[in-house]
Protein backbone atom coordinates (compact mmCIF):
# COMPACT_ATOMS: atom_id res chain seq x y z
CA UNK A 1 0.02 0.00 0.00
CA UNK A 2 2.81 2.44 0.80
CA UNK A 3 4.12 2.07 -2.77
CA UNK A 4 1.61 4.76 -3.80
CA UNK A 5 3.88 7.35 -2.17
CA UNK A 6 6.77 6.57 -4.50
CA UNK A 7 5.15 8.61 -7.20
CA UNK A 8 5.38 11.72 -5.02
CA UNK A 9 8.69 11.42 -3.15
CA UNK A 10 12.17 10.94 -4.49
CA UNK A 11 13.72 8.05 -2.65
CA UNK A 12 17.22 8.55 -4.03
CA UNK A 13 20.16 9.32 -1.81
CA UNK A 14 19.64 13.09 -2.30
CA UNK A 15 19.75 14.90 1.00
CA UNK A 16 16.84 17.24 1.68
CA UNK A 17 16.56 19.82 4.35
CA UNK A 18 13.86 19.08 6.92
CA UNK A 19 11.33 21.69 5.73
CA UNK A 20 11.61 20.45 2.12
CA UNK A 21 11.46 16.81 3.26
CA UNK A 22 8.48 17.55 5.51
CA UNK A 23 6.65 19.39 2.67
CA UNK A 24 7.19 16.45 0.22
CA UNK A 25 6.20 13.66 2.61
CA UNK A 26 3.20 15.56 4.05
CA UNK A 27 2.09 16.45 0.55
CA UNK A 28 2.30 12.81 -0.47
CA UNK A 29 0.22 11.69 2.56
CA UNK A 30 -2.39 14.41 2.00
CA UNK A 31 -2.72 13.71 -1.72
CA UNK A 32 -2.96 9.98 -1.15
CA UNK A 33 -5.61 10.42 1.59
CA UNK A 34 -7.72 12.75 -0.58
CA UNK A 35 -7.44 10.57 -3.76
CA UNK A 36 -8.54 7.51 -1.79
CA UNK A 37 -11.32 9.38 0.02
CA UNK A 38 -9.79 8.55 3.37
CA UNK A 39 -8.78 12.01 4.60
CA UNK A 40 -10.88 11.95 7.79
CA UNK A 41 -9.50 8.54 8.74
CA UNK A 42 -5.91 9.62 8.11
CA UNK A 43 -6.38 12.88 10.05
CA UNK A 44 -7.63 10.78 13.03
CA UNK A 45 -4.76 8.40 12.75
CA UNK A 46 -2.13 11.11 12.43
CA UNK A 47 -3.55 12.80 15.55
CA UNK A 48 -3.15 9.48 17.40
CA UNK A 49 0.45 9.16 16.28
CA UNK A 50 1.10 12.77 17.37
CA UNK A 51 -0.43 12.02 20.77
CA UNK A 52 1.81 8.91 21.07
CA UNK A 53 4.81 11.11 20.38
CA UNK A 54 3.79 13.34 23.29
CA UNK A 55 2.99 10.48 25.67
CA UNK A 56 5.61 7.77 24.92
CA UNK A 57 9.28 8.47 25.60
CA UNK A 58 10.17 5.16 23.92
CA UNK A 59 8.37 6.17 20.75
CA UNK A 60 10.15 9.52 20.77
CA UNK A 61 13.51 7.76 21.10
CA UNK A 62 12.57 5.43 18.25
CA UNK A 63 11.61 8.37 15.99
CA UNK A 64 14.89 10.21 16.70
CA UNK A 65 17.34 7.26 16.77
CA UNK A 66 19.54 6.88 13.68
CA UNK A 67 20.93 3.51 14.72
CA UNK A 68 17.81 1.29 14.64
CA UNK A 69 17.99 -1.31 11.87
CA UNK A 70 15.49 -1.39 9.09
CA UNK A 71 13.97 -4.69 10.33
CA UNK A 72 13.53 -3.25 13.83
CA UNK A 73 11.92 -0.08 12.44
CA UNK A 74 9.42 -2.11 10.40
CA UNK A 75 8.61 -4.30 13.46
CA UNK A 76 7.93 -1.18 15.61
CA UNK A 77 5.73 0.33 12.88
CA UNK A 78 3.71 -2.90 12.63
CA UNK A 79 3.29 -2.99 16.43
CA UNK A 80 2.18 0.69 16.55
CA UNK A 81 -0.18 0.16 13.58
CA UNK A 82 -1.89 -2.69 15.38
CA UNK A 83 -1.98 -0.92 18.73
CA UNK A 84 -3.54 2.28 17.23
CA UNK A 85 -5.55 0.35 14.61
CA UNK A 86 -4.14 2.55 11.83
CA UNK A 87 -5.64 2.47 8.39
CA UNK A 88 -3.57 1.17 5.47
CA UNK A 89 -2.61 4.65 4.18
CA UNK A 90 -1.18 5.81 7.52
CA UNK A 91 0.49 2.47 8.22
CA UNK A 92 2.06 2.46 4.73
CA UNK A 93 3.19 6.03 5.20
CA UNK A 94 4.91 5.31 8.49
CA UNK A 95 6.47 2.20 6.93
CA UNK A 96 7.83 4.36 4.06
CA UNK A 97 9.30 6.83 6.56
CA UNK A 98 10.89 3.93 8.45
CA UNK A 99 12.31 2.24 5.30
CA UNK A 100 13.75 5.54 3.99
CA UNK A 101 15.22 6.47 7.42
CA UNK A 102 13.06 9.59 7.62
CA UNK A 103 11.38 9.00 11.04
CA UNK A 104 13.45 11.85 12.47
CA UNK A 105 11.29 14.30 10.44
CA UNK A 106 7.93 12.84 11.64
CA UNK A 107 7.03 15.84 13.88
CA UNK A 108 7.75 18.33 11.11
CA UNK A 109 5.84 16.21 8.60
CA UNK A 110 2.81 16.06 10.91
CA UNK A 111 2.94 19.86 11.28
CA UNK A 112 2.90 20.40 7.52
CA UNK A 113 0.17 17.75 7.05
CA UNK A 114 -2.03 19.53 9.64
CA UNK A 115 -1.46 22.89 7.88
CA UNK A 116 -2.54 21.30 4.55
CA UNK A 117 -5.70 19.99 6.22
CA UNK A 118 -6.54 23.43 7.63
CA UNK A 119 -6.02 24.98 4.24
CA UNK A 120 -8.16 22.33 2.59
CA UNK A 121 -10.99 23.01 5.08
CA UNK A 122 -10.59 26.82 4.72
CA UNK A 123 -9.43 27.11 8.28
CA UNK A 124 -6.80 29.42 9.65
CA UNK A 125 -5.04 29.11 13.03
CA UNK A 126 -4.52 32.39 14.87
CA UNK A 127 -2.28 32.74 17.93
CA UNK A 128 -3.77 34.95 20.65
CA UNK A 129 -1.59 35.87 23.58
CA UNK A 130 -3.43 37.06 26.66
CA UNK A 131 -2.54 37.80 30.29
CA UNK A 132 -5.15 35.24 31.44
CA UNK A 133 -6.70 32.25 29.59
CA UNK A 134 -9.57 33.31 27.37
CA UNK A 135 -12.97 31.80 28.19
CA UNK A 136 -15.13 30.28 25.40
CA UNK A 137 -17.19 33.47 24.89
CA UNK A 138 -14.08 35.66 24.48
CA UNK A 139 -12.45 33.14 22.17
CA UNK A 140 -15.64 32.87 20.05
CA UNK A 141 -15.93 36.68 19.91
CA UNK A 142 -12.40 37.06 18.61
CA UNK A 143 -12.86 34.18 16.08
CA UNK A 144 -16.13 35.73 14.84
CA UNK A 145 -14.48 39.10 14.31
CA UNK A 146 -11.43 37.66 12.51
CA UNK A 147 -13.73 35.44 10.35
CA UNK A 148 -15.50 38.53 9.02
CA UNK A 149 -12.18 40.16 7.98
CA UNK A 150 -10.33 37.08 6.79
CA UNK A 151 -13.23 35.11 5.30
CA UNK A 152 -11.92 31.90 6.79
CA UNK A 153 -12.93 29.57 9.62
CA UNK A 154 -10.77 30.68 12.58
CA UNK A 155 -9.11 28.36 15.06
CA UNK A 156 -7.92 30.23 18.16
CA UNK A 157 -4.66 29.01 19.70
CA UNK A 158 -4.64 30.84 23.07
CA UNK A 159 -1.38 31.18 24.88
CA UNK A 160 -1.07 32.87 28.28
CA UNK A 161 1.62 35.49 29.02
CA UNK A 162 1.06 37.14 32.37
CA UNK A 163 3.70 39.80 31.56
CA UNK A 164 1.17 41.37 29.09
CA UNK A 165 -0.81 42.69 32.12
CA UNK A 166 -3.88 43.01 30.01
CA UNK A 167 -5.07 43.28 26.41
CA UNK A 168 -4.14 40.93 23.58
CA UNK A 169 -1.49 40.16 21.02
CA UNK A 170 -3.01 38.57 17.93
CA UNK A 171 -0.74 36.91 15.37
CA UNK A 172 -2.18 36.07 12.00
CA UNK A 173 0.47 34.52 9.80
CA UNK A 174 3.31 37.07 9.59
CA UNK A 175 1.05 39.90 10.82
CA UNK A 176 0.73 40.92 14.49
CA UNK A 177 -1.65 43.30 16.28
CA UNK A 178 -0.35 44.19 19.78
CA UNK A 179 -2.94 45.89 21.97
CA UNK A 180 -1.41 44.64 25.27
CA UNK A 181 -1.01 46.93 28.24
CA UNK A 182 2.67 45.98 28.38
CA UNK A 183 3.36 47.34 24.87
CA UNK A 184 1.31 50.51 25.56
CA UNK A 185 3.45 51.14 28.71
CA UNK A 186 6.63 50.58 26.65
CA UNK A 187 5.47 53.09 24.04
CA UNK A 188 4.59 55.61 26.74
CA UNK A 189 8.01 55.09 28.36
CA UNK A 190 9.71 55.71 25.02
CA UNK A 191 7.61 58.83 24.41
CA UNK A 192 8.48 60.16 27.85
CA UNK A 193 12.20 59.64 27.19
CA UNK A 194 11.83 61.82 24.05
CA UNK A 195 10.28 64.63 26.17
CA UNK A 196 13.13 64.71 28.73
């Protein structure tokens, strides 16, 4: 089943930087899932693999280790596939990574794959820094406002930074709107230095 990916990915000895490698492998996984009408299944499976990376120190060591033999890598992938009940596409994809000694890039590949899924769904992730955790009503209000302007479904990724004191810092792609109390105080301080 994983042979389908060979059409998308060069498996020669050429060395690729991790962002390029992640883009190619994630693109292959995404295209394969879409063409086989299994995207939702693959999304679920990839989320389970991602959770396993967070929860299992052994799995993280396996992913990062350059000294595990090909046979051992395949055995581990089979065991994980059975444990998580992975579909054929995800299992084949992980097998391909293992065979090509690309497991070290798994985290980056998952990140690119998730970005492709969001783009496919018309979603955009927005990082919102606040002094305290936003409640659902606040988060929904920000998402609704951004949706009107950006014409996309908004996913709020709220991070807490108590040093902001109050207000928000909203990051949309490479753009940032900083309305935090901290930055207002810094601007005031700079203005006062100019007056002295």
